[in-house]
Amino acid sequence: LFQTRATTLQACLDEAGDNMAALRHAVEQQQLPQVAWLAEHLAAQLEAIAREASAWSLREWDSAPPKIARWQRKRIQHQDFERR
């Protein structure tokens, strides 16, 4: 769906912006097959970006900061020691 190998949302937004510029150019040149393909591709990219943006708050909430994650691992490890 995206040509970029980067995993950031900004890279996907930049690529979608480039595709929007290409779509405008294709419309100006009246290249109908290219307009149809670019419009469909851009719509799919925007849907993917919207899905990712809606899940972003969940992903931030789900991933603990490294310090807290390290503390949680230590706590679980000590609980295992206590059980033994």
Protein backbone atom coordinates (compact mmCIF):
# COMPACT_ATOMS: atom_id res chain seq x y z
CA LEU A 1 0.00 0.00 0.00
CA PHE A 2 2.90 2.33 0.84
CA GLN A 3 6.24 2.44 -0.97
CA THR A 4 8.10 3.81 2.03
CA ARG A 5 9.94 1.40 4.29
CA ALA A 6 9.69 3.80 7.23
CA THR A 7 7.26 2.85 9.96
CA THR A 8 6.32 6.37 11.01
CA LEU A 9 2.92 7.85 10.37
CA GLN A 10 4.58 11.01 9.05
CA ALA A 11 6.29 9.04 6.26
CA CYS A 12 2.91 7.61 5.24
CA LEU A 13 1.35 11.09 5.29
CA ASP A 14 4.19 12.42 3.14
CA GLU A 15 3.69 9.64 0.60
CA ALA A 16 -0.06 10.25 0.51
CA GLY A 17 0.66 13.93 -0.09
CA ASP A 18 2.94 13.03 -2.99
CA ASN A 19 0.21 10.82 -4.44
CA MET A 20 -2.28 13.67 -4.07
CA ALA A 21 0.05 15.92 -6.08
CA ALA A 22 0.42 13.18 -8.71
CA LEU A 23 -3.38 12.85 -8.84
CA ARG A 24 -3.79 16.59 -9.40
CA HIS A 25 -1.23 16.46 -12.20
CA ALA A 26 -2.95 13.47 -13.82
CA VAL A 27 -6.31 15.29 -13.66
CA GLU A 28 -4.78 18.37 -15.29
CA GLN A 29 -3.32 16.19 -18.05
CA GLN A 30 -6.63 14.30 -18.41
CA GLN A 31 -4.99 10.90 -18.00
CA LEU A 32 -8.13 9.03 -17.01
CA PRO A 33 -6.68 5.55 -16.32
CA GLN A 34 -3.98 7.08 -14.12
CA VAL A 35 -6.55 9.29 -12.39
CA ALA A 36 -8.69 6.26 -11.56
CA TRP A 37 -5.75 4.23 -10.23
CA LEU A 38 -4.29 7.10 -8.21
CA ALA A 39 -7.68 8.03 -6.73
CA GLU A 40 -8.32 4.45 -5.64
CA HIS A 41 -4.79 4.06 -4.27
CA LEU A 42 -4.95 7.38 -2.41
CA ALA A 43 -8.33 6.47 -0.89
CA ALA A 44 -6.88 3.18 0.39
CA GLN A 45 -3.87 5.01 1.83
CA LEU A 46 -6.09 7.55 3.59
CA GLU A 47 -8.24 4.75 5.04
CA ALA A 48 -5.11 3.04 6.38
CA ILE A 49 -3.84 6.29 7.89
CA ALA A 50 -7.24 6.90 9.52
CA ARG A 51 -7.27 3.37 11.00
CA GLU A 52 -3.75 3.84 12.34
CA ALA A 53 -4.60 7.24 13.81
CA SER A 54 -7.70 5.87 15.55
CA ALA A 55 -5.66 3.04 17.11
CA TRP A 56 -2.79 5.33 18.13
CA SER A 57 -4.20 6.21 21.57
CA LEU A 58 -4.74 2.53 22.31
CA ARG A 59 -1.20 1.69 21.30
CA GLU A 60 0.24 4.45 23.52
CA TRP A 61 -1.84 3.26 26.46
CA ASP A 62 -0.88 -0.38 25.93
CA SER A 63 2.88 0.13 25.79
CA ALA A 64 4.44 0.98 29.12
CA PRO A 65 7.47 3.27 29.32
CA PRO A 66 10.77 1.34 29.57
CA LYS A 67 11.30 2.19 33.24
CA ILE A 68 7.85 0.92 34.24
CA ALA A 69 8.15 -2.16 32.02
CA ARG A 70 11.50 -3.00 33.65
CA TRP A 71 9.94 -2.56 37.10
CA GLN A 72 7.03 -4.84 36.15
CA ARG A 73 9.41 -7.54 34.91
CA LYS A 74 11.37 -7.38 38.19
CA ARG A 75 8.16 -7.55 40.23
CA ILE A 76 6.96 -10.62 38.35
CA GLN A 77 10.37 -12.22 38.72
CA HIS A 78 10.33 -11.66 42.50
CA GLN A 79 6.80 -13.03 42.75
CA ASP A 80 8.02 -16.17 40.98
CA PHE A 81 10.87 -16.46 43.49
CA GLU A 82 8.42 -16.11 46.38
CA ARG A 83 6.19 -18.86 44.96
CA ARG A 84 9.10 -21.28 44.82
